[in-house]
């Protein structure tokens, strides 16, 4: 199946789920973006993305592996879920929220 509907969830301390969201859409591409500050908001965002028929969800690198697992469980592994990670040699250059 060729994917065309993507979701991306970004996490930062001052983001609010119902305030910070957007969409990029063309004829063959649809991206829903949600900004959150907590795991609970991320779970709500992921669940809401499923109602929009999102086919793949990516998390920003600000999420931990444990948070990724909690989100995966909350959506019953219904769609592929990934997490952007920084190379180990770049970790000291990144300060997450």
C-alpha atoms as a PDB file:
ATOM      1  CA  UNK A   1       0.000   0.000   0.000  1.00  0.00           C
ATOM      2  CA  UNK A   2       1.382   3.385  -0.962  1.00  0.00           C
ATOM      3  CA  UNK A   3       1.197   5.843   1.925  1.00  0.00           C
ATOM      4  CA  UNK A   4      -0.209   9.322   1.438  1.00  0.00           C
ATOM      5  CA  UNK A   5      -1.447  10.376   4.901  1.00  0.00           C
ATOM      6  CA  UNK A   6       1.195  11.111   7.522  1.00  0.00           C
ATOM      7  CA  UNK A   7       1.191  12.459  11.056  1.00  0.00           C
ATOM      8  CA  UNK A   8       3.993  14.185  12.929  1.00  0.00           C
ATOM      9  CA  UNK A   9       3.920  14.997  16.639  1.00  0.00           C
ATOM     10  CA  UNK A  10       6.419  17.480  18.032  1.00  0.00           C
ATOM     11  CA  UNK A  11       6.972  18.016  21.764  1.00  0.00           C
ATOM     12  CA  UNK A  12       8.075  21.189  23.556  1.00  0.00           C
ATOM     13  CA  UNK A  13       7.214  22.640  26.987  1.00  0.00           C
ATOM     14  CA  UNK A  14       5.151  25.566  25.684  1.00  0.00           C
ATOM     15  CA  UNK A  15       3.113  23.784  23.001  1.00  0.00           C
ATOM     16  CA  UNK A  16      -0.607  23.160  23.425  1.00  0.00           C
ATOM     17  CA  UNK A  17      -2.406  20.414  21.515  1.00  0.00           C
ATOM     18  CA  UNK A  18      -5.536  22.412  20.708  1.00  0.00           C
ATOM     19  CA  UNK A  19      -3.604  25.543  19.782  1.00  0.00           C
ATOM     20  CA  UNK A  20      -0.518  24.289  17.923  1.00  0.00           C
ATOM     21  CA  UNK A  21      -1.467  22.109  14.987  1.00  0.00           C
ATOM     22  CA  UNK A  22      -1.480  22.333  11.239  1.00  0.00           C
ATOM     23  CA  UNK A  23      -1.756  20.561   7.959  1.00  0.00           C
ATOM     24  CA  UNK A  24       0.142  20.421   4.688  1.00  0.00           C
ATOM     25  CA  UNK A  25      -1.919  18.938   1.911  1.00  0.00           C
ATOM     26  CA  UNK A  26      -1.604  18.408  -1.813  1.00  0.00           C
ATOM     27  CA  UNK A  27      -3.295  16.058  -4.227  1.00  0.00           C
ATOM     28  CA  UNK A  28      -1.065  13.121  -3.276  1.00  0.00           C
ATOM     29  CA  UNK A  29       0.255  14.085   0.154  1.00  0.00           C
ATOM     30  CA  UNK A  30      -1.417  14.899   3.464  1.00  0.00           C
ATOM     31  CA  UNK A  31       0.565  15.755   6.603  1.00  0.00           C
ATOM     32  CA  UNK A  32      -1.053  16.508   9.955  1.00  0.00           C
ATOM     33  CA  UNK A  33       1.243  18.144  12.528  1.00  0.00           C
ATOM     34  CA  UNK A  34       0.447  18.443  16.232  1.00  0.00           C
ATOM     35  CA  UNK A  35       2.436  20.229  18.924  1.00  0.00           C
ATOM     36  CA  UNK A  36       2.195  18.887  22.475  1.00  0.00           C
ATOM     37  CA  UNK A  37       3.876  19.356  25.842  1.00  0.00           C
ATOM     38  CA  UNK A  38       2.955  16.112  27.610  1.00  0.00           C
ATOM     39  CA  UNK A  39       2.667  12.402  26.966  1.00  0.00           C
ATOM     40  CA  UNK A  40      -1.073  12.611  27.601  1.00  0.00           C
ATOM     41  CA  UNK A  41      -1.461  15.239  24.869  1.00  0.00           C
ATOM     42  CA  UNK A  42       0.674  13.143  22.515  1.00  0.00           C
ATOM     43  CA  UNK A  43      -1.604  10.161  23.075  1.00  0.00           C
ATOM     44  CA  UNK A  44      -4.659  12.306  22.350  1.00  0.00           C
ATOM     45  CA  UNK A  45      -2.995  13.675  19.202  1.00  0.00           C
ATOM     46  CA  UNK A  46      -2.117  10.183  17.954  1.00  0.00           C
ATOM     47  CA  UNK A  47      -5.615   8.883  18.638  1.00  0.00           C
ATOM     48  CA  UNK A  48      -7.128  11.875  16.842  1.00  0.00           C
ATOM     49  CA  UNK A  49      -4.836  11.239  13.869  1.00  0.00           C
ATOM     50  CA  UNK A  50      -6.292   7.755  13.558  1.00  0.00           C
ATOM     51  CA  UNK A  51      -9.750   9.297  13.122  1.00  0.00           C
ATOM     52  CA  UNK A  52      -8.299  11.278  10.181  1.00  0.00           C
ATOM     53  CA  UNK A  53      -7.116   8.010   8.595  1.00  0.00           C
ATOM     54  CA  UNK A  54      -3.441   8.857   9.091  1.00  0.00           C
ATOM     55  CA  UNK A  55      -1.387   5.876   7.882  1.00  0.00           C
ATOM     56  CA  UNK A  56       1.946   6.558   9.612  1.00  0.00           C
ATOM     57  CA  UNK A  57       2.842   8.627  12.685  1.00  0.00           C
ATOM     58  CA  UNK A  58       6.303  10.007  13.452  1.00  0.00           C
ATOM     59  CA  UNK A  59       7.392  11.485  16.776  1.00  0.00           C
ATOM     60  CA  UNK A  60      10.078  14.140  17.147  1.00  0.00           C
ATOM     61  CA  UNK A  61      13.301  13.298  18.957  1.00  0.00           C
ATOM     62  CA  UNK A  62      12.033  14.947  22.148  1.00  0.00           C
ATOM     63  CA  UNK A  63      10.104  11.776  22.970  1.00  0.00           C
ATOM     64  CA  UNK A  64      11.753   8.957  24.891  1.00  0.00           C
ATOM     65  CA  UNK A  65      11.588   5.305  23.882  1.00  0.00           C
ATOM     66  CA  UNK A  66       9.262   4.744  26.858  1.00  0.00           C
ATOM     67  CA  UNK A  67       6.898   7.482  25.665  1.00  0.00           C
ATOM     68  CA  UNK A  68       6.957   6.008  22.167  1.00  0.00           C
ATOM     69  CA  UNK A  69       5.957   2.630  23.616  1.00  0.00           C
ATOM     70  CA  UNK A  70       3.112   4.213  25.618  1.00  0.00           C
ATOM     71  CA  UNK A  71       1.769   5.954  22.512  1.00  0.00           C
ATOM     72  CA  UNK A  72       2.059   2.741  20.481  1.00  0.00           C
ATOM     73  CA  UNK A  73       0.073   0.899  23.151  1.00  0.00           C
ATOM     74  CA  UNK A  74      -2.550   3.674  23.316  1.00  0.00           C
ATOM     75  CA  UNK A  75      -3.218   3.407  19.574  1.00  0.00           C
ATOM     76  CA  UNK A  76      -3.148  -0.405  19.726  1.00  0.00           C
ATOM     77  CA  UNK A  77      -0.288  -0.443  17.200  1.00  0.00           C
ATOM     78  CA  UNK A  78      -2.967   0.425  14.610  1.00  0.00           C
ATOM     79  CA  UNK A  79      -0.508   2.239  12.307  1.00  0.00           C
ATOM     80  CA  UNK A  80       3.300   2.281  12.098  1.00  0.00           C
ATOM     81  CA  UNK A  81       4.807   4.627  14.695  1.00  0.00           C
ATOM     82  CA  UNK A  82       8.365   5.933  14.499  1.00  0.00           C
ATOM     83  CA  UNK A  83      10.574   8.331  16.413  1.00  0.00           C
ATOM     84  CA  UNK A  84      13.252  10.622  15.032  1.00  0.00           C
ATOM     85  CA  UNK A  85      16.508  10.161  16.901  1.00  0.00           C
ATOM     86  CA  UNK A  86      19.765  12.058  16.924  1.00  0.00           C
ATOM     87  CA  UNK A  87      23.039  10.282  16.235  1.00  0.00           C
ATOM     88  CA  UNK A  88      24.899   9.447  19.459  1.00  0.00           C
ATOM     89  CA  UNK A  89      27.812  11.668  18.418  1.00  0.00           C
ATOM     90  CA  UNK A  90      25.409  14.632  18.136  1.00  0.00           C
ATOM     91  CA  UNK A  91      23.621  14.144  21.461  1.00  0.00           C
ATOM     92  CA  UNK A  92      25.795  16.659  23.318  1.00  0.00           C
ATOM     93  CA  UNK A  93      24.790  19.324  20.763  1.00  0.00           C
ATOM     94  CA  UNK A  94      21.054  18.877  21.412  1.00  0.00           C
ATOM     95  CA  UNK A  95      19.175  20.178  24.443  1.00  0.00           C
ATOM     96  CA  UNK A  96      15.555  19.014  24.442  1.00  0.00           C
ATOM     97  CA  UNK A  97      13.042  21.385  26.078  1.00  0.00           C
END
